Protein backbone atom coordinates (compact mmCIF):
# COMPACT_ATOMS: atom_id res chain seq x y z
CA MET A 1 70.23 -39.47 -69.85
CA THR A 2 67.50 -38.08 -72.40
CA LEU A 3 64.63 -40.23 -73.78
CA ASP A 4 66.06 -39.88 -77.22
CA VAL A 5 68.98 -42.23 -76.30
CA ALA A 6 66.94 -44.64 -74.00
CA LYS A 7 67.30 -48.29 -74.76
CA PRO A 8 64.27 -50.32 -74.34
CA GLY A 9 63.04 -50.90 -70.96
CA ARG A 10 61.36 -49.16 -67.97
CA TYR A 11 62.32 -45.55 -67.12
CA GLU A 12 61.22 -42.81 -64.34
CA VAL A 13 61.01 -39.45 -66.09
CA VAL A 14 63.22 -37.10 -64.22
CA ASN A 15 62.33 -33.54 -65.61
CA VAL A 16 60.98 -31.90 -68.74
CA TYR A 17 62.80 -29.12 -70.30
CA GLY A 18 60.93 -26.91 -72.34
CA GLY A 19 57.86 -24.37 -72.49
CA ARG A 20 54.56 -24.65 -70.94
CA GLY A 21 52.93 -25.91 -74.23
CA LEU A 22 55.55 -28.96 -74.28
CA ARG A 23 55.25 -29.81 -70.89
CA ALA A 24 51.54 -29.63 -70.82
CA ARG A 25 51.31 -31.66 -74.09
CA LEU A 26 53.51 -34.40 -72.61
CA ALA A 27 51.87 -34.45 -69.39
CA ASP A 28 48.34 -35.23 -71.12
CA MET A 29 50.32 -38.34 -72.51
CA GLY A 30 51.38 -39.28 -69.14
CA VAL A 31 54.89 -38.26 -69.50
CA TYR A 32 55.68 -35.82 -66.35
CA PRO A 33 58.27 -36.02 -63.67
CA GLY A 34 57.74 -39.01 -61.50
CA ALA A 35 55.81 -40.90 -64.23
CA GLU A 36 56.90 -44.32 -65.10
CA ILE A 37 56.97 -44.96 -68.85
CA GLU A 38 58.27 -47.74 -71.09
CA VAL A 39 60.59 -47.47 -74.20
CA LEU A 40 59.81 -50.27 -76.69
CA ASN A 41 62.29 -49.12 -79.63
CA TYR A 42 65.83 -47.95 -79.95
CA GLY A 43 67.51 -46.31 -82.80
CA ASN A 44 68.36 -42.90 -84.37
CA VAL A 45 65.47 -43.19 -87.09
CA GLY A 46 62.13 -42.05 -86.25
CA PRO A 47 59.95 -41.40 -83.31
CA VAL A 48 60.66 -43.08 -79.83
CA ARG A 49 57.76 -45.51 -79.15
CA VAL A 50 56.60 -45.15 -75.56
CA VAL A 51 54.04 -46.95 -73.24
CA SER A 52 52.36 -44.70 -70.64
CA LYS A 53 49.25 -45.34 -68.92
CA GLY A 54 48.54 -48.50 -71.14
CA ALA A 55 48.61 -46.10 -74.22
CA VAL A 56 51.41 -46.56 -76.89
CA PHE A 57 52.52 -43.54 -78.81
CA GLY A 58 55.50 -41.90 -80.51
CA ILE A 59 57.53 -39.21 -79.36
CA GLY A 60 59.51 -37.24 -81.90
CA ARG A 61 63.37 -37.10 -81.51
CA GLY A 62 63.24 -33.27 -80.73
CA MET A 63 60.70 -33.60 -77.91
CA ALA A 64 62.53 -36.72 -76.62
CA ALA A 65 65.86 -34.76 -76.27
CA LYS A 66 64.15 -32.62 -73.68
CA ILE A 67 62.90 -35.49 -71.37
CA ILE A 68 65.25 -36.63 -68.74
CA VAL A 69 64.77 -40.40 -67.62
CA ARG A 70 66.29 -42.46 -65.04
CA LYS A 71 66.60 -46.49 -65.69
CA LEU A 72 64.47 -48.64 -63.47
CA ASP A 73 65.36 -52.12 -64.69
């Protein structure tokens, strides 16, 4: 599933579809294949709030739609 439709919980990042710039930006935030992240909110409005490496940040819906995740819980 893509991150933009993921419900709150723990996930593993499976893949990131996008150019080098997008992949590098997400990797700097700790979002890369094999990384464990936690989704904090769910809904169709606003950014997806994510915890990675102890930091909380938002990922816009367009970017989140390019991140493939697998549920861990």
